Structure formats: C-alpha cells, structure tokens
Amino acid sequence: MVPATPRDVVHIRAGSFILVFLFALAVLGIISQAWVLTGIAVIAAIVTAVDIYLAVRRQKNRDVGEAG
C-alpha cells in the first residue's frame, strides 16, 4: 500500500469522474459540431489529467502519511 493523504485521494477520485464527464461532453460537442464546446472540454480534460498525475506523484513521493 502506498502512503496517501486524503487530499490526494480526493484529487484522483474526483478527477476520474470529471474526466468521464468531460469525455462525454467532448463527444457531444463533436456530434453536434460545437467545436468551441469540444475545445473547452479537451482543455479541461488535459488540466484534470495533469492534476491527477501530480496527485499520484505526490502520493508516491511521501514517506509518511495515511495508508490508503
């Protein structure tokens, strides 16, 4: 088990739900040819993915903390 803080766990779990929502929004934007909506969804998905990556990296770098 990897030591984790509750903040990191929330970032990872909430981020995964947000990614699913943004994927659906991007698909709807492509289907309806709303390119601005698709672009916003893609940019937000990239930001969310970077946030998840940083949370996982913080989680792996910690030597102390709550096991989760």
PDB file of N, CA and C in Angstrom:
ATOM      1  N   MET A   1       0.833  -1.173   0.000  1.00  0.00           N
ATOM      2  CA  MET A   1       0.000   0.000   0.000  1.00  0.00           C
ATOM      3  C   MET A   1       0.877   1.236   0.000  1.00  0.00           C
ATOM      4  N   VAL A   2       0.404   2.249  -0.651  1.00  0.00           N
ATOM      5  CA  VAL A   2       1.153   3.491  -0.792  1.00  0.00           C
ATOM      6  C   VAL A   2       0.624   4.502   0.204  1.00  0.00           C
ATOM      7  N   PRO A   3       1.508   5.242   0.899  1.00  0.00           N
ATOM      8  CA  PRO A   3       1.012   6.284   1.787  1.00  0.00           C
ATOM      9  C   PRO A   3       0.312   7.377   0.980  1.00  0.00           C
ATOM     10  N   ALA A   4      -0.807   7.827   1.475  1.00  0.00           N
ATOM     11  CA  ALA A   4      -1.577   8.840   0.755  1.00  0.00           C
ATOM     12  C   ALA A   4      -2.212   9.800   1.737  1.00  0.00           C
ATOM     13  N   THR A   5      -2.427  11.005   1.268  1.00  0.00           N
ATOM     14  CA  THR A   5      -3.180  11.965   2.056  1.00  0.00           C
ATOM     15  C   THR A   5      -4.602  11.993   1.518  1.00  0.00           C
ATOM     16  N   PRO A   6      -5.551  12.361   2.333  1.00  0.00           N
ATOM     17  CA  PRO A   6      -6.934  12.437   1.841  1.00  0.00           C
ATOM     18  C   PRO A   6      -7.084  13.395   0.658  1.00  0.00           C
ATOM     19  N   ARG A   7      -6.284  14.460   0.644  1.00  0.00           N
ATOM     20  CA  ARG A   7      -6.370  15.418  -0.462  1.00  0.00           C
ATOM     21  C   ARG A   7      -5.990  14.761  -1.780  1.00  0.00           C
ATOM     22  N   ASP A   8      -4.923  13.945  -1.761  1.00  0.00           N
ATOM     23  CA  ASP A   8      -4.508  13.266  -2.980  1.00  0.00           C
ATOM     24  C   ASP A   8      -5.571  12.287  -3.455  1.00  0.00           C
ATOM     25  N   VAL A   9      -6.171  11.569  -2.522  1.00  0.00           N
ATOM     26  CA  VAL A   9      -7.206  10.609  -2.879  1.00  0.00           C
ATOM     27  C   VAL A   9      -8.403  11.322  -3.502  1.00  0.00           C
ATOM     28  N   VAL A  10      -8.778  12.445  -2.950  1.00  0.00           N
ATOM     29  CA  VAL A  10      -9.901  13.212  -3.498  1.00  0.00           C
ATOM     30  C   VAL A  10      -9.570  13.716  -4.900  1.00  0.00           C
ATOM     31  N   HIS A  11      -8.347  14.192  -5.093  1.00  0.00           N
ATOM     32  CA  HIS A  11      -7.949  14.670  -6.428  1.00  0.00           C
ATOM     33  C   HIS A  11      -8.026  13.538  -7.452  1.00  0.00           C
ATOM     34  N   ILE A  12      -7.597  12.356  -7.076  1.00  0.00           N
ATOM     35  CA  ILE A  12      -7.594  11.235  -8.015  1.00  0.00           C
ATOM     36  C   ILE A  12      -9.019  10.761  -8.296  1.00  0.00           C
ATOM     37  N   ARG A  13      -9.810  10.581  -7.261  1.00  0.00           N
ATOM     38  CA  ARG A  13     -11.170  10.055  -7.457  1.00  0.00           C
ATOM     39  C   ARG A  13     -12.094  11.068  -8.126  1.00  0.00           C
ATOM     40  N   ALA A  14     -12.085  12.294  -7.650  1.00  0.00           N
ATOM     41  CA  ALA A  14     -12.937  13.310  -8.277  1.00  0.00           C
ATOM     42  C   ALA A  14     -12.472  13.580  -9.703  1.00  0.00           C
ATOM     43  N   GLY A  15     -11.172  13.582  -9.900  1.00  0.00           N
ATOM     44  CA  GLY A  15     -10.640  13.808 -11.246  1.00  0.00           C
ATOM     45  C   GLY A  15     -11.078  12.749 -12.224  1.00  0.00           C
ATOM     46  N   SER A  16     -11.159  11.505 -11.779  1.00  0.00           N
ATOM     47  CA  SER A  16     -11.585  10.441 -12.687  1.00  0.00           C
ATOM     48  C   SER A  16     -13.048  10.619 -13.100  1.00  0.00           C
ATOM     49  N   PHE A  17     -13.891  11.027 -12.165  1.00  0.00           N
ATOM     50  CA  PHE A  17     -15.291  11.292 -12.519  1.00  0.00           C
ATOM     51  C   PHE A  17     -15.404  12.494 -13.452  1.00  0.00           C
ATOM     52  N   ILE A  18     -14.609  13.503 -13.217  1.00  0.00           N
ATOM     53  CA  ILE A  18     -14.622  14.677 -14.081  1.00  0.00           C
ATOM     54  C   ILE A  18     -14.162  14.315 -15.485  1.00  0.00           C
ATOM     55  N   LEU A  19     -13.152  13.440 -15.592  1.00  0.00           N
ATOM     56  CA  LEU A  19     -12.686  13.017 -16.912  1.00  0.00           C
ATOM     57  C   LEU A  19     -13.774  12.299 -17.693  1.00  0.00           C
ATOM     58  N   VAL A  20     -14.549  11.459 -17.022  1.00  0.00           N
ATOM     59  CA  VAL A  20     -15.640  10.763 -17.703  1.00  0.00           C
ATOM     60  C   VAL A  20     -16.673  11.773 -18.209  1.00  0.00           C
ATOM     61  N   PHE A  21     -17.028  12.736 -17.376  1.00  0.00           N
ATOM     62  CA  PHE A  21     -17.987  13.773 -17.774  1.00  0.00           C
ATOM     63  C   PHE A  21     -17.445  14.585 -18.951  1.00  0.00           C
ATOM     64  N   LEU A  22     -16.179  14.968 -18.894  1.00  0.00           N
ATOM     65  CA  LEU A  22     -15.599  15.772 -19.970  1.00  0.00           C
ATOM     66  C   LEU A  22     -15.494  14.989 -21.272  1.00  0.00           C
ATOM     67  N   PHE A  23     -15.228  13.685 -21.174  1.00  0.00           N
ATOM     68  CA  PHE A  23     -15.208  12.860 -22.384  1.00  0.00           C
ATOM     69  C   PHE A  23     -16.582  12.855 -23.044  1.00  0.00           C
ATOM     70  N   ALA A  24     -17.626  12.666 -22.238  1.00  0.00           N
ATOM     71  CA  ALA A  24     -18.985  12.679 -22.780  1.00  0.00           C
ATOM     72  C   ALA A  24     -19.324  14.043 -23.379  1.00  0.00           C
ATOM     73  N   LEU A  25     -18.897  15.096 -22.728  1.00  0.00           N
ATOM     74  CA  LEU A  25     -19.147  16.441 -23.241  1.00  0.00           C
ATOM     75  C   LEU A  25     -18.423  16.676 -24.559  1.00  0.00           C
ATOM     76  N   ALA A  26     -17.197  16.183 -24.669  1.00  0.00           N
ATOM     77  CA  ALA A  26     -16.444  16.325 -25.913  1.00  0.00           C
ATOM     78  C   ALA A  26     -17.095  15.538 -27.046  1.00  0.00           C
ATOM     79  N   VAL A  27     -17.577  14.339 -26.750  1.00  0.00           N
ATOM     80  CA  VAL A  27     -18.255  13.543 -27.775  1.00  0.00           C
ATOM     81  C   VAL A  27     -19.531  14.236 -28.230  1.00  0.00           C
ATOM     82  N   LEU A  28     -20.284  14.771 -27.290  1.00  0.00           N
ATOM     83  CA  LEU A  28     -21.498  15.516 -27.672  1.00  0.00           C
ATOM     84  C   LEU A  28     -21.153  16.756 -28.490  1.00  0.00           C
ATOM     85  N   GLY A  29     -20.058  17.409 -28.147  1.00  0.00           N
ATOM     86  CA  GLY A  29     -19.629  18.566 -28.921  1.00  0.00           C
ATOM     87  C   GLY A  29     -19.236  18.199 -30.337  1.00  0.00           C
ATOM     88  N   ILE A  30     -18.580  17.051 -30.496  1.00  0.00           N
ATOM     89  CA  ILE A  30     -18.206  16.606 -31.834  1.00  0.00           C
ATOM     90  C   ILE A  30     -19.441  16.221 -32.644  1.00  0.00           C
ATOM     91  N   ILE A  31     -20.367  15.516 -32.001  1.00  0.00           N
ATOM     92  CA  ILE A  31     -21.587  15.094 -32.704  1.00  0.00           C
ATOM     93  C   ILE A  31     -22.397  16.311 -33.157  1.00  0.00           C
ATOM     94  N   SER A  32     -22.503  17.308 -32.299  1.00  0.00           N
ATOM     95  CA  SER A  32     -23.301  18.493 -32.639  1.00  0.00           C
ATOM     96  C   SER A  32     -22.480  19.555 -33.360  1.00  0.00           C
ATOM     97  N   GLN A  33     -21.223  19.268 -33.645  1.00  0.00           N
ATOM     98  CA  GLN A  33     -20.302  20.165 -34.332  1.00  0.00           C
ATOM     99  C   GLN A  33     -20.151  21.499 -33.603  1.00  0.00           C
ATOM    100  N   ALA A  34     -20.172  21.436 -32.280  1.00  0.00           N
ATOM    101  CA  ALA A  34     -19.918  22.612 -31.441  1.00  0.00           C
ATOM    102  C   ALA A  34     -18.441  22.575 -31.076  1.00  0.00           C
ATOM    103  N   TRP A  35     -17.608  23.125 -31.945  1.00  0.00           N
ATOM    104  CA  TRP A  35     -16.164  22.987 -31.807  1.00  0.00           C
ATOM    105  C   TRP A  35     -15.619  23.727 -30.599  1.00  0.00           C
ATOM    106  N   VAL A  36     -16.254  24.828 -30.222  1.00  0.00           N
ATOM    107  CA  VAL A  36     -15.796  25.567 -29.042  1.00  0.00           C
ATOM    108  C   VAL A  36     -16.035  24.725 -27.787  1.00  0.00           C
ATOM    109  N   LEU A  37     -17.192  24.102 -27.697  1.00  0.00           N
ATOM    110  CA  LEU A  37     -17.505  23.230 -26.565  1.00  0.00           C
ATOM    111  C   LEU A  37     -16.530  22.056 -26.503  1.00  0.00           C
ATOM    112  N   THR A  38     -16.227  21.485 -27.657  1.00  0.00           N
ATOM    113  CA  THR A  38     -15.275  20.378 -27.709  1.00  0.00           C
ATOM    114  C   THR A  38     -13.897  20.829 -27.259  1.00  0.00           C
ATOM    115  N   GLY A  39     -13.476  21.996 -27.720  1.00  0.00           N
ATOM    116  CA  GLY A  39     -12.170  22.523 -27.330  1.00  0.00           C
ATOM    117  C   GLY A  39     -12.069  22.784 -25.841  1.00  0.00           C
ATOM    118  N   ILE A  40     -13.108  23.345 -25.282  1.00  0.00           N
ATOM    119  CA  ILE A  40     -13.118  23.610 -23.839  1.00  0.00           C
ATOM    120  C   ILE A  40     -13.064  22.303 -23.058  1.00  0.00           C
ATOM    121  N   ALA A  41     -13.818  21.300 -23.510  1.00  0.00           N
ATOM    122  CA  ALA A  41     -13.823  20.002 -22.827  1.00  0.00           C
ATOM    123  C   ALA A  41     -12.456  19.335 -22.913  1.00  0.00           C
ATOM    124  N   VAL A  42     -11.804  19.431 -24.054  1.00  0.00           N
ATOM    125  CA  VAL A  42     -10.473  18.817 -24.215  1.00  0.00           C
ATOM    126  C   VAL A  42      -9.447  19.518 -23.337  1.00  0.00           C
ATOM    127  N   ILE A  43      -9.479  20.838 -23.306  1.00  0.00           N
ATOM    128  CA  ILE A  43      -8.530  21.587 -22.470  1.00  0.00           C
ATOM    129  C   ILE A  43      -8.759  21.279 -20.990  1.00  0.00           C
ATOM    130  N   ALA A  44     -10.020  21.231 -20.582  1.00  0.00           N
ATOM    131  CA  ALA A  44     -10.328  20.906 -19.186  1.00  0.00           C
ATOM    132  C   ALA A  44      -9.907  19.474 -18.856  1.00  0.00           C
ATOM    133  N   ALA A  45     -10.040  18.557 -19.806  1.00  0.00           N
ATOM    134  CA  ALA A  45      -9.607  17.172 -19.580  1.00  0.00           C
ATOM    135  C   ALA A  45      -8.094  17.092 -19.424  1.00  0.00           C
ATOM    136  N   ILE A  46      -7.367  17.864 -20.200  1.00  0.00           N
ATOM    137  CA  ILE A  46      -5.908  17.884 -20.073  1.00  0.00           C
ATOM    138  C   ILE A  46      -5.501  18.418 -18.710  1.00  0.00           C
ATOM    139  N   VAL A  47      -6.145  19.494 -18.275  1.00  0.00           N
ATOM    140  CA  VAL A  47      -5.842  20.073 -16.958  1.00  0.00           C
ATOM    141  C   VAL A  47      -6.154  19.064 -15.856  1.00  0.00           C
ATOM    142  N   THR A  48      -7.279  18.371 -15.981  1.00  0.00           N
ATOM    143  CA  THR A  48      -7.659  17.370 -14.982  1.00  0.00           C
ATOM    144  C   THR A  48      -6.678  16.198 -14.970  1.00  0.00           C
ATOM    145  N   ALA A  49      -6.254  15.761 -16.141  1.00  0.00           N
ATOM    146  CA  ALA A  49      -5.288  14.657 -16.214  1.00  0.00           C
ATOM    147  C   ALA A  49      -3.950  15.048 -15.587  1.00  0.00           C
ATOM    148  N   VAL A  50      -3.526  16.281 -15.803  1.00  0.00           N
ATOM    149  CA  VAL A  50      -2.281  16.757 -15.184  1.00  0.00           C
ATOM    150  C   VAL A  50      -2.438  16.807 -13.668  1.00  0.00           C
ATOM    151  N   ASP A  51      -3.592  17.240 -13.196  1.00  0.00           N
ATOM    152  CA  ASP A  51      -3.845  17.277 -11.758  1.00  0.00           C
ATOM    153  C   ASP A  51      -3.802  15.876 -11.148  1.00  0.00           C
ATOM    154  N   ILE A  52      -4.394  14.907 -11.829  1.00  0.00           N
ATOM    155  CA  ILE A  52      -4.352  13.525 -11.345  1.00  0.00           C
ATOM    156  C   ILE A  52      -2.912  13.022 -11.329  1.00  0.00           C
ATOM    157  N   TYR A  53      -2.170  13.300 -12.381  1.00  0.00           N
ATOM    158  CA  TYR A  53      -0.771  12.873 -12.452  1.00  0.00           C
ATOM    159  C   TYR A  53       0.037  13.458 -11.296  1.00  0.00           C
ATOM    160  N   LEU A  54      -0.158  14.736 -11.013  1.00  0.00           N
ATOM    161  CA  LEU A  54       0.575  15.366  -9.915  1.00  0.00           C
ATOM    162  C   LEU A  54       0.173  14.788  -8.563  1.00  0.00           C
ATOM    163  N   ALA A  55      -1.111  14.457  -8.395  1.00  0.00           N
ATOM    164  CA  ALA A  55      -1.566  13.857  -7.138  1.00  0.00           C
ATOM    165  C   ALA A  55      -0.947  12.474  -6.952  1.00  0.00           C
ATOM    166  N   VAL A  56      -0.870  11.700  -8.020  1.00  0.00           N
ATOM    167  CA  VAL A  56      -0.255  10.379  -7.925  1.00  0.00           C
ATOM    168  C   VAL A  56       1.234  10.520  -7.620  1.00  0.00           C
ATOM    169  N   ARG A  57       1.871  11.475  -8.245  1.00  0.00           N
ATOM    170  CA  ARG A  57       3.298  11.691  -7.993  1.00  0.00           C
ATOM    171  C   ARG A  57       3.554  12.135  -6.563  1.00  0.00           C
ATOM    172  N   ARG A  58       2.711  13.033  -6.039  1.00  0.00           N
ATOM    173  CA  ARG A  58       2.839  13.449  -4.640  1.00  0.00           C
ATOM    174  C   ARG A  58       2.637  12.275  -3.715  1.00  0.00           C
ATOM    175  N   GLN A  59       1.693  11.428  -4.070  1.00  0.00           N
ATOM    176  CA  GLN A  59       1.374  10.273  -3.238  1.00  0.00           C
ATOM    177  C   GLN A  59       2.557   9.313  -3.186  1.00  0.00           C
ATOM    178  N   LYS A  60       3.234   9.100  -4.291  1.00  0.00           N
ATOM    179  CA  LYS A  60       4.355   8.172  -4.331  1.00  0.00           C
ATOM    180  C   LYS A  60       5.593   8.732  -3.638  1.00  0.00           C
ATOM    181  N   ASN A  61       5.733  10.069  -3.610  1.00  0.00           N
ATOM    182  CA  ASN A  61       6.923  10.685  -3.026  1.00  0.00           C
ATOM    183  C   ASN A  61       6.859  10.819  -1.514  1.00  0.00           C
ATOM    184  N   ARG A  62       5.725  10.581  -0.915  1.00  0.00           N
ATOM    185  CA  ARG A  62       5.595  10.763   0.523  1.00  0.00           C
ATOM    186  C   ARG A  62       6.130   9.551   1.267  1.00  0.00           C
ATOM    187  N   ASP A  63       6.869   9.810   2.341  1.00  0.00           N
ATOM    188  CA  ASP A  63       7.356   8.732   3.191  1.00  0.00           C
ATOM    189  C   ASP A  63       6.473   8.507   4.397  1.00  0.00           C
ATOM    190  N   VAL A  64       5.649   9.479   4.712  1.00  0.00           N
ATOM    191  CA  VAL A  64       4.759   9.364   5.849  1.00  0.00           C
ATOM    192  C   VAL A  64       3.354   9.695   5.404  1.00  0.00           C
ATOM    193  N   GLY A  65       2.408   9.305   6.185  1.00  0.00           N
ATOM    194  CA  GLY A  65       1.031   9.661   5.874  1.00  0.00           C
ATOM    195  C   GLY A  65       0.109   8.495   6.128  1.00  0.00           C
ATOM    196  N   GLU A  66      -1.090   8.713   5.801  1.00  0.00           N
ATOM    197  CA  GLU A  66      -2.127   7.734   5.995  1.00  0.00           C
ATOM    198  C   GLU A  66      -2.072   6.695   4.888  1.00  0.00           C
ATOM    199  N   ALA A  67      -2.157   5.445   5.222  1.00  0.00           N
ATOM    200  CA  ALA A  67      -2.176   4.401   4.183  1.00  0.00           C
ATOM    201  C   ALA A  67      -3.574   4.346   3.590  1.00  0.00           C
ATOM    202  N   GLY A  68      -3.658   4.432   2.279  1.00  0.00           N
ATOM    203  CA  GLY A  68      -4.983   4.447   1.695  1.00  0.00           C
ATOM    204  C   GLY A  68      -5.079   3.790   0.391  1.00  0.00           C
TER     205      GLY A  68
END
